[in-house]
Amino acid sequence: MEYSTSNKHPLFLLFWLVFLSPLVLCQLNYRFYDTSCPNLINIVRSNVWSAMANESRIAASLLRLHFHDCFVIGCDGSVLLDDSSTFKGEKNALPNRNSIRGFEVIDAIKSALEKACPSIVSCADILTLAAREAVYLSGGPFWSVPLGRRDGTSASESEANELPSPFEPLQNITAKFINKGLQVNDVAVLSGAHTFGFAQCFTFKPRLFNFGGSPGKSDPSLDSSFVQILQKLCPNQDDSDNKLAPLDSVTTNRFDNMYYRNLVNNSGLLQSDQALLGDNTTASLVVNYSRYPFLFLRDFAASMEKMGRIGVLTGQQGEIRKNCRVIN
């Protein structure tokens, strides 16, 4: 059979060009693995559930791992890579060193998937799904995750050193979000991930002692009774720096809107979090999310899907790693 591409068939030509377009062929797809790895979701969910049953804190760690992956290069699994002879990985960057965790959970999921459907599912997709399951199994929202990400073949310690920091002003953090294609409202809603998990004392101790360089002064935006609790937990001495405090001391392991209620009550643990209430652009979102939990859960799901599309590799880009810690 011969197909004509003459002017007599302009619609056919347009269809053929669109069909061959890499933008069409390489898009993420909600049903990407339906045929090639139909048991994918069950495998990811069972492994995340098992990890959470062993240690509830791991749920927040998996979500943070996904965030730190997407904000460096893109959602390509680069955060999972160990150092190699050709690059320094992201695990030892200052925001990640002795901080990010959950790698063994991703390894276990990858191992199970390599048995069920070898060389099919990318580590980037595994991490994205694991973060969704961690939120959902902790009482948070469920959202559909578009799939088809490919794994990167490099990592960037220097770029990981530029991850948003709790010591930065909100304006700087917002600029980093916008640089990734997100918006101011995404800053407010994705910060709600701090409704579960823990922070090391050194990340907020400057608020408790000698705030602003004034001896004995604490951050006036912190509730005074909350300050006393934190000062006992994190005394003003170096050996307390790595002790852990819950980001939300009320419902520590549950994904809900308590984070925003804490901010309204001047009990936000990190200064960068409490700053959301002091900014005209984000304050109204904080108040609304504190009052209407369904609104927060809806918006969080939408922002997570948006974040999961940052800098993805698709089609023939990158690779499908057999081991998430090393390139093939």
C-alpha atoms as a PDB file:
ATOM      1  CA  MET A   1       0.000   0.000   0.000  1.00  0.00           C
ATOM      2  CA  GLU A   2       1.297   3.489  -0.839  1.00  0.00           C
ATOM      3  CA  TYR A   3       0.446   6.566   1.218  1.00  0.00           C
ATOM      4  CA  SER A   4       0.407   9.882  -0.544  1.00  0.00           C
ATOM      5  CA  THR A   5       1.676  13.019   1.220  1.00  0.00           C
ATOM      6  CA  SER A   6       0.673  15.389  -1.521  1.00  0.00           C
ATOM      7  CA  ASN A   7      -1.385  18.505  -1.060  1.00  0.00           C
ATOM      8  CA  LYS A   8      -4.464  16.392  -1.692  1.00  0.00           C
ATOM      9  CA  HIS A   9      -4.127  14.929   1.812  1.00  0.00           C
ATOM     10  CA  PRO A  10      -3.196  17.757   4.165  1.00  0.00           C
ATOM     11  CA  LEU A  11      -5.094  16.302   7.144  1.00  0.00           C
ATOM     12  CA  PHE A  12      -3.367  12.963   6.789  1.00  0.00           C
ATOM     13  CA  LEU A  13       0.023  14.671   6.616  1.00  0.00           C
ATOM     14  CA  LEU A  14      -0.769  16.696   9.746  1.00  0.00           C
ATOM     15  CA  PHE A  15      -1.842  13.550  11.582  1.00  0.00           C
ATOM     16  CA  TRP A  16       1.327  11.718  10.549  1.00  0.00           C
ATOM     17  CA  LEU A  17       3.589  14.558  11.679  1.00  0.00           C
ATOM     18  CA  VAL A  18       1.802  14.818  15.022  1.00  0.00           C
ATOM     19  CA  PHE A  19       1.926  11.057  15.520  1.00  0.00           C
ATOM     20  CA  LEU A  20       5.687  11.041  15.031  1.00  0.00           C
ATOM     21  CA  SER A  21       6.259  14.064  17.245  1.00  0.00           C
ATOM     22  CA  PRO A  22       8.484  13.271  20.245  1.00  0.00           C
ATOM     23  CA  LEU A  23       6.258  15.479  22.377  1.00  0.00           C
ATOM     24  CA  VAL A  24       3.404  13.049  21.785  1.00  0.00           C
ATOM     25  CA  LEU A  25       5.453   9.872  21.970  1.00  0.00           C
ATOM     26  CA  CYS A  26       7.262  10.930  25.128  1.00  0.00           C
ATOM     27  CA  GLN A  27       4.471  12.295  27.280  1.00  0.00           C
ATOM     28  CA  LEU A  28       3.813  10.863  30.718  1.00  0.00           C
ATOM     29  CA  ASN A  29       0.834   8.541  30.817  1.00  0.00           C
ATOM     30  CA  TYR A  30      -1.409   7.502  33.696  1.00  0.00           C
ATOM     31  CA  ARG A  31      -1.583   3.944  32.304  1.00  0.00           C
ATOM     32  CA  PHE A  32       2.020   3.651  31.159  1.00  0.00           C
ATOM     33  CA  TYR A  33       2.696   0.305  32.876  1.00  0.00           C
ATOM     34  CA  ASP A  34      -0.778  -1.237  32.657  1.00  0.00           C
ATOM     35  CA  THR A  35       0.418  -3.893  30.231  1.00  0.00           C
ATOM     36  CA  SER A  36       4.167  -4.086  30.878  1.00  0.00           C
ATOM     37  CA  CYS A  37       3.975  -4.227  34.705  1.00  0.00           C
ATOM     38  CA  PRO A  38       0.331  -4.563  35.823  1.00  0.00           C
ATOM     39  CA  ASN A  39       1.167  -5.293  39.482  1.00  0.00           C
ATOM     40  CA  LEU A  40       3.292  -2.149  39.892  1.00  0.00           C
ATOM     41  CA  ILE A  41       1.030  -0.215  42.277  1.00  0.00           C
ATOM     42  CA  ASN A  42       0.453  -3.211  44.543  1.00  0.00           C
ATOM     43  CA  ILE A  43       4.190  -3.863  44.805  1.00  0.00           C
ATOM     44  CA  VAL A  44       4.983  -0.243  45.648  1.00  0.00           C
ATOM     45  CA  ARG A  45       2.135   0.060  48.138  1.00  0.00           C
ATOM     46  CA  SER A  46       2.911  -3.180  49.975  1.00  0.00           C
ATOM     47  CA  ASN A  47       6.561  -2.247  50.379  1.00  0.00           C
ATOM     48  CA  VAL A  48       5.771   1.263  51.616  1.00  0.00           C
ATOM     49  CA  TRP A  49       3.165  -0.139  54.003  1.00  0.00           C
ATOM     50  CA  SER A  50       5.669  -2.656  55.351  1.00  0.00           C
ATOM     51  CA  ALA A  51       8.299   0.049  55.837  1.00  0.00           C
ATOM     52  CA  MET A  52       5.803   2.284  57.656  1.00  0.00           C
ATOM     53  CA  ALA A  53       4.734  -0.579  59.902  1.00  0.00           C
ATOM     54  CA  ASN A  54       8.373  -0.963  60.890  1.00  0.00           C
ATOM     55  CA  GLU A  55       8.959   2.798  61.321  1.00  0.00           C
ATOM     56  CA  SER A  56       6.241   5.427  60.937  1.00  0.00           C
ATOM     57  CA  ARG A  57       8.793   8.192  60.341  1.00  0.00           C
ATOM     58  CA  ILE A  58       9.745   6.673  56.972  1.00  0.00           C
ATOM     59  CA  ALA A  59       6.603   8.052  55.280  1.00  0.00           C
ATOM     60  CA  ALA A  60       7.747  11.657  55.636  1.00  0.00           C
ATOM     61  CA  SER A  61      11.269  10.625  54.629  1.00  0.00           C
ATOM     62  CA  LEU A  62      10.045   9.164  51.330  1.00  0.00           C
ATOM     63  CA  LEU A  63       8.108  12.323  50.532  1.00  0.00           C
ATOM     64  CA  ARG A  64      11.159  14.467  51.290  1.00  0.00           C
ATOM     65  CA  LEU A  65      13.335  12.200  49.152  1.00  0.00           C
ATOM     66  CA  HIS A  66      11.018  12.782  46.189  1.00  0.00           C
ATOM     67  CA  PHE A  67      11.050  16.548  46.755  1.00  0.00           C
ATOM     68  CA  HIS A  68      14.856  16.627  46.890  1.00  0.00           C
ATOM     69  CA  ASP A  69      15.016  14.584  43.712  1.00  0.00           C
ATOM     70  CA  CYS A  70      12.678  16.784  41.676  1.00  0.00           C
ATOM     71  CA  PHE A  71      14.290  20.063  42.758  1.00  0.00           C
ATOM     72  CA  VAL A  72      17.741  18.957  41.560  1.00  0.00           C
ATOM     73  CA  ILE A  73      18.005  18.424  37.780  1.00  0.00           C
ATOM     74  CA  GLY A  74      14.423  17.111  37.737  1.00  0.00           C
ATOM     75  CA  CYS A  75      12.387  14.053  38.766  1.00  0.00           C
ATOM     76  CA  ASP A  76      14.923  11.619  37.325  1.00  0.00           C
ATOM     77  CA  GLY A  77      16.027   9.584  40.339  1.00  0.00           C
ATOM     78  CA  SER A  78      19.389  11.378  40.505  1.00  0.00           C
ATOM     79  CA  VAL A  79      19.131  11.692  44.297  1.00  0.00           C
ATOM     80  CA  LEU A  80      19.333   7.896  44.534  1.00  0.00           C
ATOM     81  CA  LEU A  81      22.733   7.651  42.844  1.00  0.00           C
ATOM     82  CA  ASP A  82      25.902   6.939  44.798  1.00  0.00           C
ATOM     83  CA  ASP A  83      29.114   8.797  43.978  1.00  0.00           C
ATOM     84  CA  SER A  84      30.897   7.466  40.894  1.00  0.00           C
ATOM     85  CA  SER A  85      34.177   8.008  39.096  1.00  0.00           C
ATOM     86  CA  THR A  86      32.499  10.574  36.812  1.00  0.00           C
ATOM     87  CA  PHE A  87      30.374  12.613  39.247  1.00  0.00           C
ATOM     88  CA  LYS A  88      29.723  13.383  42.889  1.00  0.00           C
ATOM     89  CA  GLY A  89      26.233  12.354  43.893  1.00  0.00           C
ATOM     90  CA  GLU A  90      23.662  14.391  45.784  1.00  0.00           C
ATOM     91  CA  LYS A  91      23.559  12.362  48.987  1.00  0.00           C
ATOM     92  CA  ASN A  92      26.449  14.258  50.572  1.00  0.00           C
ATOM     93  CA  ALA A  93      25.309  17.746  49.628  1.00  0.00           C
ATOM     94  CA  LEU A  94      24.805  19.899  52.721  1.00  0.00           C
ATOM     95  CA  PRO A  95      20.967  19.757  52.708  1.00  0.00           C
ATOM     96  CA  ASN A  96      21.091  15.953  52.315  1.00  0.00           C
ATOM     97  CA  ARG A  97      24.064  14.756  54.355  1.00  0.00           C
ATOM     98  CA  ASN A  98      22.948  12.612  57.306  1.00  0.00           C
ATOM     99  CA  SER A  99      19.452  13.850  56.565  1.00  0.00           C
ATOM    100  CA  ILE A 100      17.685  12.291  53.591  1.00  0.00           C
ATOM    101  CA  ARG A 101      16.717   8.671  54.063  1.00  0.00           C
ATOM    102  CA  GLY A 102      14.507   5.923  52.690  1.00  0.00           C
ATOM    103  CA  PHE A 103      16.927   4.559  50.105  1.00  0.00           C
ATOM    104  CA  GLU A 104      16.524   1.008  51.384  1.00  0.00           C
ATOM    105  CA  VAL A 105      12.761   1.196  50.761  1.00  0.00           C
ATOM    106  CA  ILE A 106      13.317   2.214  47.136  1.00  0.00           C
ATOM    107  CA  ASP A 107      15.890  -0.582  46.809  1.00  0.00           C
ATOM    108  CA  ALA A 108      13.385  -3.141  48.098  1.00  0.00           C
ATOM    109  CA  ILE A 109      10.695  -1.953  45.681  1.00  0.00           C
ATOM    110  CA  LYS A 110      13.141  -2.016  42.782  1.00  0.00           C
ATOM    111  CA  SER A 111      14.266  -5.540  43.664  1.00  0.00           C
ATOM    112  CA  ALA A 112      10.675  -6.780  43.746  1.00  0.00           C
ATOM    113  CA  LEU A 113       9.884  -5.093  40.435  1.00  0.00           C
ATOM    114  CA  GLU A 114      12.980  -6.504  38.745  1.00  0.00           C
ATOM    115  CA  LYS A 115      11.617  -9.957  39.555  1.00  0.00           C
ATOM    116  CA  ALA A 116       8.081  -9.139  38.407  1.00  0.00           C
ATOM    117  CA  CYS A 117       8.911  -7.065  35.302  1.00  0.00           C
ATOM    118  CA  PRO A 118      12.675  -6.729  34.764  1.00  0.00           C
ATOM    119  CA  SER A 119      14.130  -3.536  33.268  1.00  0.00           C
ATOM    120  CA  ILE A 120      10.672  -1.972  32.861  1.00  0.00           C
ATOM    121  CA  VAL A 121       9.975   0.466  35.724  1.00  0.00           C
ATOM    122  CA  SER A 122      12.302   3.425  36.298  1.00  0.00           C
ATOM    123  CA  CYS A 123      13.634   4.378  39.705  1.00  0.00           C
ATOM    124  CA  ALA A 124      12.230   7.876  39.114  1.00  0.00           C
ATOM    125  CA  ASP A 125       8.714   6.470  38.768  1.00  0.00           C
ATOM    126  CA  ILE A 126       9.220   4.223  41.790  1.00  0.00           C
ATOM    127  CA  LEU A 127      10.210   7.209  43.932  1.00  0.00           C
ATOM    128  CA  THR A 128       7.267   9.278  42.680  1.00  0.00           C
ATOM    129  CA  LEU A 129       4.800   6.481  43.447  1.00  0.00           C
ATOM    130  CA  ALA A 130       6.381   5.723  46.827  1.00  0.00           C
ATOM    131  CA  ALA A 131       5.921   9.365  47.857  1.00  0.00           C
ATOM    132  CA  ARG A 132       2.248   9.253  46.859  1.00  0.00           C
ATOM    133  CA  GLU A 133       1.696   6.016  48.781  1.00  0.00           C
ATOM    134  CA  ALA A 134       3.495   7.393  51.842  1.00  0.00           C
ATOM    135  CA  VAL A 135       1.131  10.376  51.925  1.00  0.00           C
ATOM    136  CA  TYR A 136      -1.980   8.307  51.219  1.00  0.00           C
ATOM    137  CA  LEU A 137      -1.200   5.617  53.801  1.00  0.00           C
ATOM    138  CA  SER A 138      -0.619   8.369  56.385  1.00  0.00           C
ATOM    139  CA  GLY A 139      -4.141   9.713  55.948  1.00  0.00           C
ATOM    140  CA  GLY A 140      -3.439  12.186  53.146  1.00  0.00           C
ATOM    141  CA  PRO A 141      -4.949  12.509  49.679  1.00  0.00           C
ATOM    142  CA  PHE A 142      -4.667  10.056  46.819  1.00  0.00           C
ATOM    143  CA  TRP A 143      -3.837  11.414  43.390  1.00  0.00           C
ATOM    144  CA  SER A 144      -3.258   9.812  40.016  1.00  0.00           C
ATOM    145  CA  VAL A 145       0.439   9.776  39.091  1.00  0.00           C
ATOM    146  CA  PRO A 146       1.338  10.100  35.398  1.00  0.00           C
ATOM    147  CA  LEU A 147       4.152   7.646  34.643  1.00  0.00           C
ATOM    148  CA  GLY A 148       6.847   7.021  32.063  1.00  0.00           C
ATOM    149  CA  ARG A 149       9.779   8.860  33.639  1.00  0.00           C
ATOM    150  CA  ARG A 150      13.251   7.677  32.689  1.00  0.00           C
ATOM    151  CA  ASP A 151      16.263   7.628  34.999  1.00  0.00           C
ATOM    152  CA  GLY A 152      19.034  10.192  34.731  1.00  0.00           C
ATOM    153  CA  THR A 153      22.621   9.122  34.184  1.00  0.00           C
ATOM    154  CA  SER A 154      24.241  11.801  36.325  1.00  0.00           C
ATOM    155  CA  ALA A 155      23.761  13.768  39.520  1.00  0.00           C
ATOM    156  CA  SER A 156      24.739  17.196  40.815  1.00  0.00           C
ATOM    157  CA  GLU A 157      26.054  17.782  44.311  1.00  0.00           C
ATOM    158  CA  SER A 158      26.475  21.493  43.559  1.00  0.00           C
ATOM    159  CA  GLU A 159      22.846  21.885  42.502  1.00  0.00           C
ATOM    160  CA  ALA A 160      21.696  19.902  45.528  1.00  0.00           C
ATOM    161  CA  ASN A 161      23.523  22.434  47.702  1.00  0.00           C
ATOM    162  CA  GLU A 162      21.032  25.038  46.404  1.00  0.00           C
ATOM    163  CA  LEU A 163      17.921  23.234  47.663  1.00  0.00           C
ATOM    164  CA  PRO A 164      15.483  25.466  49.591  1.00  0.00           C
ATOM    165  CA  SER A 165      16.716  25.861  53.165  1.00  0.00           C
ATOM    166  CA  PRO A 166      14.875  26.561  56.451  1.00  0.00           C
ATOM    167  CA  PHE A 167      17.445  29.312  57.066  1.00  0.00           C
ATOM    168  CA  GLU A 168      16.504  31.260  53.923  1.00  0.00           C
ATOM    169  CA  PRO A 169      14.007  34.117  53.736  1.00  0.00           C
ATOM    170  CA  LEU A 170      10.683  33.174  52.199  1.00  0.00           C
ATOM    171  CA  GLN A 171      11.424  35.390  49.200  1.00  0.00           C
ATOM    172  CA  ASN A 172      14.450  33.243  48.298  1.00  0.00           C
ATOM    173  CA  ILE A 173      12.538  29.998  48.731  1.00  0.00           C
ATOM    174  CA  THR A 174       9.714  31.297  46.550  1.00  0.00           C
ATOM    175  CA  ALA A 175      12.193  32.282  43.835  1.00  0.00           C
ATOM    176  CA  LYS A 176      13.561  28.731  43.790  1.00  0.00           C
ATOM    177  CA  PHE A 177      10.057  27.307  43.382  1.00  0.00           C
ATOM    178  CA  ILE A 178       9.276  29.693  40.547  1.00  0.00           C
ATOM    179  CA  ASN A 179      12.563  28.774  38.881  1.00  0.00           C
ATOM    180  CA  LYS A 180      11.273  25.193  38.737  1.00  0.00           C
ATOM    181  CA  GLY A 181       8.038  26.218  37.050  1.00  0.00           C
ATOM    182  CA  LEU A 182       5.956  26.281  40.224  1.00  0.00           C
ATOM    183  CA  GLN A 183       4.057  29.222  41.711  1.00  0.00           C
ATOM    184  CA  VAL A 184       3.712  31.048  45.023  1.00  0.00           C
ATOM    185  CA  ASN A 185       0.646  29.016  45.975  1.00  0.00           C
ATOM    186  CA  ASP A 186       2.715  25.839  45.484  1.00  0.00           C
ATOM    187  CA  VAL A 187       5.156  27.120  48.114  1.00  0.00           C
ATOM    188  CA  ALA A 188       2.334  27.424  50.634  1.00  0.00           C
ATOM    189  CA  VAL A 189       0.703  24.098  49.861  1.00  0.00           C
ATOM    190  CA  LEU A 190       3.823  21.945  49.450  1.00  0.00           C
ATOM    191  CA  SER A 191       5.170  23.332  52.730  1.00  0.00           C
ATOM    192  CA  GLY A 192       2.215  21.487  54.229  1.00  0.00           C
ATOM    193  CA  ALA A 193       4.301  18.329  53.843  1.00  0.00           C
ATOM    194  CA  HIS A 194       5.718  19.406  57.211  1.00  0.00           C
ATOM    195  CA  THR A 195       2.513  18.160  58.768  1.00  0.00           C
ATOM    196  CA  PHE A 196       4.454  14.978  59.513  1.00  0.00           C
ATOM    197  CA  GLY A 197       8.098  14.045  59.997  1.00  0.00           C
ATOM    198  CA  PHE A 198      10.915  15.476  62.103  1.00  0.00           C
ATOM    199  CA  ALA A 199      13.586  18.163  61.980  1.00  0.00           C
ATOM    200  CA  GLN A 200      17.020  18.219  63.595  1.00  0.00           C
ATOM    201  CA  CYS A 201      17.426  20.746  66.391  1.00  0.00           C
ATOM    202  CA  PHE A 202      20.076  22.769  64.595  1.00  0.00           C
ATOM    203  CA  THR A 203      17.485  23.764  61.962  1.00  0.00           C
ATOM    204  CA  PHE A 204      15.481  25.801  64.478  1.00  0.00           C
ATOM    205  CA  LYS A 205      17.734  26.389  67.524  1.00  0.00           C
ATOM    206  CA  PRO A 206      18.575  29.933  66.348  1.00  0.00           C
ATOM    207  CA  ARG A 207      14.931  30.762  67.132  1.00  0.00           C
ATOM    208  CA  LEU A 208      15.279  29.590  70.729  1.00  0.00           C
ATOM    209  CA  PHE A 209      18.477  31.246  71.949  1.00  0.00           C
ATOM    210  CA  ASN A 210      20.096  34.566  71.125  1.00  0.00           C
ATOM    211  CA  PHE A 211      17.591  35.293  68.383  1.00  0.00           C
ATOM    212  CA  GLY A 212      18.784  38.077  66.094  1.00  0.00           C
ATOM    213  CA  GLY A 213      22.042  38.251  68.046  1.00  0.00           C
ATOM    214  CA  SER A 214      20.317  39.287  71.281  1.00  0.00           C
ATOM    215  CA  PRO A 215      21.541  37.197  74.275  1.00  0.00           C
ATOM    216  CA  GLY A 216      18.821  35.098  75.868  1.00  0.00           C
ATOM    217  CA  LYS A 217      16.156  36.244  73.412  1.00  0.00           C
ATOM    218  CA  SER A 218      13.871  33.870  71.534  1.00  0.00           C
ATOM    219  CA  ASP A 219      11.918  34.468  68.338  1.00  0.00           C
ATOM    220  CA  PRO A 220       8.940  36.672  69.324  1.00  0.00           C
ATOM    221  CA  SER A 221       6.808  35.027  66.626  1.00  0.00           C
ATOM    222  CA  LEU A 222       6.979  31.733  68.563  1.00  0.00           C
ATOM    223  CA  ASP A 223       4.399  30.931  71.222  1.00  0.00           C
ATOM    224  CA  SER A 224       6.149  31.323  74.603  1.00  0.00           C
ATOM    225  CA  SER A 225       4.993  27.962  75.985  1.00  0.00           C
ATOM    226  CA  PHE A 226       6.161  26.260  72.788  1.00  0.00           C
ATOM    227  CA  VAL A 227       9.562  27.933  73.202  1.00  0.00           C
ATOM    228  CA  GLN A 228       9.920  26.416  76.673  1.00  0.00           C
ATOM    229  CA  ILE A 229       9.135  22.931  75.379  1.00  0.00           C
ATOM    230  CA  LEU A 230      11.663  23.256  72.572  1.00  0.00           C
ATOM    231  CA  GLN A 231      14.378  24.663  74.835  1.00  0.00           C
ATOM    232  CA  LYS A 232      14.107  21.568  77.037  1.00  0.00           C
ATOM    233  CA  LEU A 233      14.211  19.293  73.995  1.00  0.00           C
ATOM    234  CA  CYS A 234      17.085  21.171  72.342  1.00  0.00           C
ATOM    235  CA  PRO A 235      19.249  22.791  75.022  1.00  0.00           C
ATOM    236  CA  ASN A 236      21.706  25.468  73.985  1.00  0.00           C
ATOM    237  CA  GLN A 237      24.681  23.168  73.537  1.00  0.00           C
ATOM    238  CA  ASP A 238      26.332  21.573  70.523  1.00  0.00           C
ATOM    239  CA  ASP A 239      25.509  17.973  71.414  1.00  0.00           C
ATOM    240  CA  SER A 240      21.793  18.663  70.945  1.00  0.00           C
ATOM    241  CA  ASP A 241      22.136  19.769  67.321  1.00  0.00           C
ATOM    242  CA  ASN A 242      21.224  16.393  65.830  1.00  0.00           C
ATOM    243  CA  LYS A 243      18.372  15.572  68.178  1.00  0.00           C
ATOM    244  CA  LEU A 244      14.979  15.301  66.491  1.00  0.00           C
ATOM    245  CA  ALA A 245      11.798  17.265  67.078  1.00  0.00           C
ATOM    246  CA  PRO A 246       8.441  16.612  65.380  1.00  0.00           C
ATOM    247  CA  LEU A 247       7.509  19.185  62.771  1.00  0.00           C
ATOM    248  CA  ASP A 248       3.960  18.789  64.072  1.00  0.00           C
ATOM    249  CA  SER A 249       3.875  17.786  67.726  1.00  0.00           C
ATOM    250  CA  VAL A 250       0.084  17.346  67.739  1.00  0.00           C
ATOM    251  CA  THR A 251      -0.478  14.700  65.038  1.00  0.00           C
ATOM    252  CA  THR A 252       3.136  13.800  64.382  1.00  0.00           C
ATOM    253  CA  ASN A 253       2.735  10.863  61.988  1.00  0.00           C
ATOM    254  CA  ARG A 254      -0.577  11.778  60.380  1.00  0.00           C
ATOM    255  CA  PHE A 255      -0.913  13.727  57.149  1.00  0.00           C
ATOM    256  CA  ASP A 256      -3.534  16.392  57.875  1.00  0.00           C
ATOM    257  CA  ASN A 257      -3.887  20.168  58.066  1.00  0.00           C
ATOM    258  CA  MET A 258      -2.519  20.495  61.608  1.00  0.00           C
ATOM    259  CA  TYR A 259       0.635  22.133  60.229  1.00  0.00           C
ATOM    260  CA  TYR A 260      -1.408  25.199  59.237  1.00  0.00           C
ATOM    261  CA  ARG A 261      -3.303  25.265  62.517  1.00  0.00           C
ATOM    262  CA  ASN A 262       0.065  25.281  64.273  1.00  0.00           C
ATOM    263  CA  LEU A 263       1.207  28.244  62.178  1.00  0.00           C
ATOM    264  CA  VAL A 264      -1.932  30.193  63.073  1.00  0.00           C
ATOM    265  CA  ASN A 265      -1.182  29.419  66.739  1.00  0.00           C
ATOM    266  CA  ASN A 266       2.428  30.646  66.342  1.00  0.00           C
ATOM    267  CA  SER A 267       3.742  27.113  66.801  1.00  0.00           C
ATOM    268  CA  GLY A 268       5.474  26.529  63.500  1.00  0.00           C
ATOM    269  CA  LEU A 269       8.767  24.771  64.173  1.00  0.00           C
ATOM    270  CA  LEU A 270      10.854  26.215  61.341  1.00  0.00           C
ATOM    271  CA  GLN A 271      11.239  29.943  60.811  1.00  0.00           C
ATOM    272  CA  SER A 272      10.704  29.474  57.065  1.00  0.00           C
ATOM    273  CA  ASP A 273       7.344  27.856  57.823  1.00  0.00           C
ATOM    274  CA  GLN A 274       6.144  30.521  60.230  1.00  0.00           C
ATOM    275  CA  ALA A 275       7.126  33.133  57.642  1.00  0.00           C
ATOM    276  CA  LEU A 276       4.225  31.938  55.466  1.00  0.00           C
ATOM    277  CA  LEU A 277       1.822  33.552  57.909  1.00  0.00           C
ATOM    278  CA  GLY A 278       3.691  36.836  57.795  1.00  0.00           C
ATOM    279  CA  ASP A 279       3.599  37.188  54.020  1.00  0.00           C
ATOM    280  CA  ASN A 280       0.600  38.883  52.423  1.00  0.00           C
ATOM    281  CA  THR A 281       0.594  36.474  49.477  1.00  0.00           C
ATOM    282  CA  THR A 282       0.646  33.237  51.460  1.00  0.00           C
ATOM    283  CA  ALA A 283      -1.056  34.209  54.733  1.00  0.00           C
ATOM    284  CA  SER A 284      -4.577  33.835  53.334  1.00  0.00           C
ATOM    285  CA  LEU A 285      -3.749  30.336  52.087  1.00  0.00           C
ATOM    286  CA  VAL A 286      -2.403  29.363  55.510  1.00  0.00           C
ATOM    287  CA  VAL A 287      -5.593  30.569  57.202  1.00  0.00           C
ATOM    288  CA  ASN A 288      -7.851  28.838  54.676  1.00  0.00           C
ATOM    289  CA  TYR A 289      -5.948  25.562  54.911  1.00  0.00           C
ATOM    290  CA  SER A 290      -6.112  25.728  58.721  1.00  0.00           C
ATOM    291  CA  ARG A 291      -9.897  26.032  58.518  1.00  0.00           C
ATOM    292  CA  TYR A 292     -10.711  23.739  55.621  1.00  0.00           C
ATOM    293  CA  PRO A 293      -8.723  20.490  55.582  1.00  0.00           C
ATOM    294  CA  PHE A 294     -10.358  19.271  52.362  1.00  0.00           C
ATOM    295  CA  LEU A 295      -9.073  22.381  50.600  1.00  0.00           C
ATOM    296  CA  PHE A 296      -5.497  21.660  51.663  1.00  0.00           C
ATOM    297  CA  LEU A 297      -5.683  17.985  50.670  1.00  0.00           C
ATOM    298  CA  ARG A 298      -7.111  18.877  47.256  1.00  0.00           C
ATOM    299  CA  ASP A 299      -4.497  21.517  46.544  1.00  0.00           C
ATOM    300  CA  PHE A 300      -1.656  19.391  47.873  1.00  0.00           C
ATOM    301  CA  ALA A 301      -2.527  16.592  45.460  1.00  0.00           C
ATOM    302  CA  ALA A 302      -2.585  19.035  42.545  1.00  0.00           C
ATOM    303  CA  SER A 303       0.759  20.591  43.492  1.00  0.00           C
ATOM    304  CA  MET A 304       2.374  17.185  43.954  1.00  0.00           C
ATOM    305  CA  GLU A 305       1.385  16.109  40.459  1.00  0.00           C
ATOM    306  CA  LYS A 306       2.751  19.392  39.113  1.00  0.00           C
ATOM    307  CA  MET A 307       6.016  18.962  40.995  1.00  0.00           C
ATOM    308  CA  GLY A 308       6.318  15.399  39.727  1.00  0.00           C
ATOM    309  CA  ARG A 309       6.600  16.702  36.169  1.00  0.00           C
ATOM    310  CA  ILE A 310       9.657  18.902  36.794  1.00  0.00           C
ATOM    311  CA  GLY A 311      12.451  18.139  34.339  1.00  0.00           C
ATOM    312  CA  VAL A 312      11.319  14.586  33.569  1.00  0.00           C
ATOM    313  CA  LEU A 313      13.134  12.412  31.036  1.00  0.00           C
ATOM    314  CA  THR A 314      10.896  10.397  28.726  1.00  0.00           C
ATOM    315  CA  GLY A 315      10.988   8.372  25.522  1.00  0.00           C
ATOM    316  CA  GLN A 316      14.565   7.439  24.668  1.00  0.00           C
ATOM    317  CA  GLN A 317      16.132   9.882  27.126  1.00  0.00           C
ATOM    318  CA  GLY A 318      18.067   8.537  30.076  1.00  0.00           C
ATOM    319  CA  GLU A 319      17.725   4.853  30.923  1.00  0.00           C
ATOM    320  CA  ILE A 320      15.891   2.338  33.093  1.00  0.00           C
ATOM    321  CA  ARG A 321      18.340   1.549  35.886  1.00  0.00           C
ATOM    322  CA  LYS A 322      18.588  -2.019  37.099  1.00  0.00           C
ATOM    323  CA  ASN A 323      19.988  -0.774  40.405  1.00  0.00           C
ATOM    324  CA  CYS A 324      18.730   2.610  41.584  1.00  0.00           C
ATOM    325  CA  ARG A 325      22.089   3.472  43.179  1.00  0.00           C
ATOM    326  CA  VAL A 326      24.223   3.165  40.010  1.00  0.00           C
ATOM    327  CA  ILE A 327      23.847   3.815  36.305  1.00  0.00           C
ATOM    328  CA  ASN A 328      23.746   0.759  34.063  1.00  0.00           C
END
